[in-house]
């Protein structure tokens, strides 16, 4: 059986932590920043952790060798 291919778009968006959680960069910090509050922009800088429901989908379909 051939190797499964990694979805490259997913590989660029998600990464795994040491404990197996899925980490991603939060959206809405690219443009139109003047109307967003400093508090909101500060919170968007930090990476987010994906909920456990979606981890199985990412791990199985998109990043099989992650």
N, C-alpha and C. Protein backbone atom coordinates (compact mmCIF):
# COMPACT_ATOMS: atom_id res chain seq x y z
N UNK A 1 0.84 -1.17 0.00
CA UNK A 1 0.00 0.00 0.00
C UNK A 1 0.89 1.25 0.00
N UNK A 2 0.60 2.24 -0.84
CA UNK A 2 1.45 3.42 -0.89
C UNK A 2 1.28 4.30 0.35
N UNK A 3 2.26 5.17 0.53
CA UNK A 3 2.19 6.09 1.65
C UNK A 3 1.04 7.07 1.46
N UNK A 4 0.47 7.52 2.57
CA UNK A 4 -0.58 8.55 2.51
C UNK A 4 0.09 9.90 2.33
N UNK A 5 -0.53 10.77 1.55
CA UNK A 5 0.03 12.10 1.34
C UNK A 5 -0.49 13.07 2.39
N UNK A 6 0.41 13.89 2.89
CA UNK A 6 0.04 14.95 3.82
C UNK A 6 -0.58 16.08 3.03
N UNK A 7 -1.68 16.64 3.53
CA UNK A 7 -2.27 17.83 2.92
C UNK A 7 -1.37 19.01 3.28
N UNK A 8 -0.68 19.55 2.28
CA UNK A 8 0.34 20.56 2.54
C UNK A 8 -0.26 21.86 3.09
N UNK A 9 -1.49 22.18 2.68
CA UNK A 9 -2.12 23.39 3.21
C UNK A 9 -2.35 23.25 4.71
N UNK A 10 -2.72 22.05 5.16
CA UNK A 10 -2.93 21.81 6.59
C UNK A 10 -1.60 21.81 7.34
N UNK A 11 -0.56 21.29 6.71
CA UNK A 11 0.75 21.25 7.36
C UNK A 11 1.28 22.64 7.63
N UNK A 12 0.92 23.61 6.78
CA UNK A 12 1.37 24.98 6.98
C UNK A 12 0.55 25.69 8.05
N UNK A 13 -0.66 25.24 8.31
CA UNK A 13 -1.55 25.92 9.25
C UNK A 13 -1.52 25.33 10.65
N UNK A 14 -1.27 24.05 10.77
CA UNK A 14 -1.34 23.37 12.07
C UNK A 14 -0.01 22.73 12.41
N UNK A 15 0.26 22.62 13.72
CA UNK A 15 1.41 21.88 14.20
C UNK A 15 1.01 21.19 15.50
N UNK A 16 1.76 20.21 15.89
CA UNK A 16 1.45 19.43 17.08
C UNK A 16 2.34 19.84 18.25
N UNK A 17 1.76 19.87 19.44
CA UNK A 17 2.55 20.11 20.65
C UNK A 17 3.15 18.78 21.09
N UNK A 18 3.98 18.84 22.10
CA UNK A 18 4.61 17.62 22.60
C UNK A 18 3.63 16.63 23.19
N UNK A 19 2.50 17.12 23.70
CA UNK A 19 1.50 16.23 24.30
C UNK A 19 0.45 15.76 23.30
N UNK A 20 0.58 16.19 22.03
CA UNK A 20 -0.34 15.72 21.01
C UNK A 20 -1.50 16.63 20.69
N UNK A 21 -1.52 17.82 21.30
CA UNK A 21 -2.58 18.77 20.97
C UNK A 21 -2.24 19.46 19.66
N UNK A 22 -3.25 20.03 19.01
CA UNK A 22 -3.04 20.70 17.73
C UNK A 22 -3.02 22.21 17.96
N UNK A 23 -1.95 22.84 17.48
CA UNK A 23 -1.74 24.27 17.67
C UNK A 23 -1.94 24.98 16.33
N UNK A 24 -2.52 26.18 16.37
CA UNK A 24 -2.73 26.95 15.14
C UNK A 24 -2.59 28.44 15.43
N UNK A 25 -2.38 29.23 14.38
CA UNK A 25 -2.31 30.68 14.53
C UNK A 25 -3.70 31.25 14.38
N UNK A 26 -4.04 32.17 15.28
CA UNK A 26 -5.38 32.77 15.24
C UNK A 26 -5.52 33.71 14.06
N UNK A 27 -6.74 33.83 13.56
CA UNK A 27 -7.00 34.67 12.40
C UNK A 27 -7.38 36.08 12.81
N UNK A 28 -7.59 36.94 11.81
CA UNK A 28 -8.03 38.34 11.98
C UNK A 28 -6.95 39.28 12.47
N UNK A 29 -5.70 39.02 12.17
CA UNK A 29 -4.63 39.94 12.58
C UNK A 29 -3.80 40.39 11.39
N UNK A 30 -4.37 40.38 10.19
CA UNK A 30 -3.62 40.72 8.99
C UNK A 30 -3.88 42.12 8.47
N UNK A 31 -5.11 42.57 8.49
CA UNK A 31 -5.43 43.91 7.98
C UNK A 31 -6.67 44.44 8.69
N UNK A 32 -7.01 45.67 8.43
CA UNK A 32 -8.10 46.40 9.10
C UNK A 32 -7.89 46.33 10.62
N UNK A 33 -6.72 46.76 11.05
CA UNK A 33 -6.38 46.67 12.47
C UNK A 33 -6.76 47.92 13.26
N UNK A 34 -7.11 49.00 12.55
CA UNK A 34 -7.39 50.25 13.26
C UNK A 34 -8.66 50.17 14.09
N UNK A 35 -9.64 49.44 13.63
CA UNK A 35 -10.91 49.36 14.38
C UNK A 35 -10.89 48.30 15.48
N UNK A 36 -9.85 47.48 15.54
CA UNK A 36 -9.77 46.45 16.57
C UNK A 36 -9.06 47.02 17.79
N UNK A 37 -9.54 46.65 18.96
CA UNK A 37 -8.95 47.16 20.19
C UNK A 37 -7.58 46.53 20.45
N UNK A 38 -6.78 47.20 21.25
CA UNK A 38 -5.45 46.69 21.58
C UNK A 38 -5.54 45.36 22.31
N UNK A 39 -6.53 45.23 23.17
CA UNK A 39 -6.72 43.99 23.92
C UNK A 39 -7.00 42.83 22.97
N UNK A 40 -7.87 43.09 21.98
CA UNK A 40 -8.22 42.05 21.01
C UNK A 40 -7.01 41.64 20.18
N UNK A 41 -6.24 42.63 19.72
CA UNK A 41 -5.05 42.34 18.91
C UNK A 41 -4.00 41.59 19.72
N UNK A 42 -3.87 41.95 20.98
CA UNK A 42 -2.91 41.27 21.85
C UNK A 42 -3.27 39.81 22.05
N UNK A 43 -4.56 39.52 22.21
CA UNK A 43 -5.00 38.14 22.40
C UNK A 43 -4.86 37.32 21.12
N UNK A 44 -4.95 37.98 19.97
CA UNK A 44 -4.83 37.27 18.69
C UNK A 44 -3.39 36.89 18.37
N UNK A 45 -2.43 37.52 19.04
CA UNK A 45 -1.02 37.20 18.78
C UNK A 45 -0.66 35.79 19.21
N UNK A 46 -1.28 35.33 20.26
CA UNK A 46 -0.93 34.02 20.81
C UNK A 46 -1.56 32.90 20.00
N UNK A 47 -0.90 31.76 19.96
CA UNK A 47 -1.44 30.64 19.21
C UNK A 47 -2.59 30.00 19.97
N UNK A 48 -3.48 29.36 19.24
CA UNK A 48 -4.63 28.70 19.83
C UNK A 48 -4.46 27.20 19.85
N UNK A 49 -5.20 26.54 20.71
CA UNK A 49 -5.20 25.08 20.79
C UNK A 49 -6.55 24.60 20.27
N UNK A 50 -6.52 23.69 19.32
CA UNK A 50 -7.74 23.18 18.71
C UNK A 50 -8.49 22.30 19.70
N UNK A 51 -9.82 22.33 19.62
CA UNK A 51 -10.62 21.51 20.54
C UNK A 51 -10.43 20.03 20.22
N UNK A 52 -10.67 19.20 21.20
CA UNK A 52 -10.42 17.76 21.07
C UNK A 52 -11.30 17.11 20.00
N UNK A 53 -12.46 17.70 19.71
CA UNK A 53 -13.35 17.13 18.70
C UNK A 53 -12.70 17.13 17.32
N UNK A 54 -11.99 18.20 17.00
CA UNK A 54 -11.42 18.35 15.67
C UNK A 54 -10.03 17.76 15.52
N UNK A 55 -9.41 17.37 16.62
CA UNK A 55 -8.05 16.83 16.56
C UNK A 55 -8.02 15.54 15.76
N UNK A 56 -9.02 14.69 15.92
CA UNK A 56 -9.05 13.41 15.20
C UNK A 56 -9.11 13.62 13.70
N UNK A 57 -9.86 14.61 13.25
CA UNK A 57 -9.98 14.89 11.82
C UNK A 57 -8.65 15.36 11.26
N UNK A 58 -8.00 16.27 11.96
CA UNK A 58 -6.71 16.79 11.50
C UNK A 58 -5.68 15.68 11.46
N UNK A 59 -5.64 14.88 12.51
CA UNK A 59 -4.62 13.83 12.61
C UNK A 59 -4.81 12.72 11.58
N UNK A 60 -6.05 12.33 11.34
CA UNK A 60 -6.31 11.19 10.46
C UNK A 60 -6.30 11.56 8.98
N UNK A 61 -7.02 12.63 8.63
CA UNK A 61 -7.19 12.96 7.22
C UNK A 61 -6.14 13.89 6.66
N UNK A 62 -5.75 14.90 7.45
CA UNK A 62 -4.91 15.94 6.89
C UNK A 62 -3.42 15.73 7.17
N UNK A 63 -3.10 15.33 8.38
CA UNK A 63 -1.69 15.13 8.75
C UNK A 63 -1.48 13.71 9.27
N UNK A 64 -1.51 12.71 8.41
CA UNK A 64 -1.45 11.32 8.87
C UNK A 64 -0.14 10.94 9.55
N UNK A 65 0.94 11.63 9.24
CA UNK A 65 2.23 11.28 9.85
C UNK A 65 2.67 12.34 10.85
N UNK A 66 1.76 13.18 11.28
CA UNK A 66 2.10 14.26 12.21
C UNK A 66 2.18 13.79 13.65
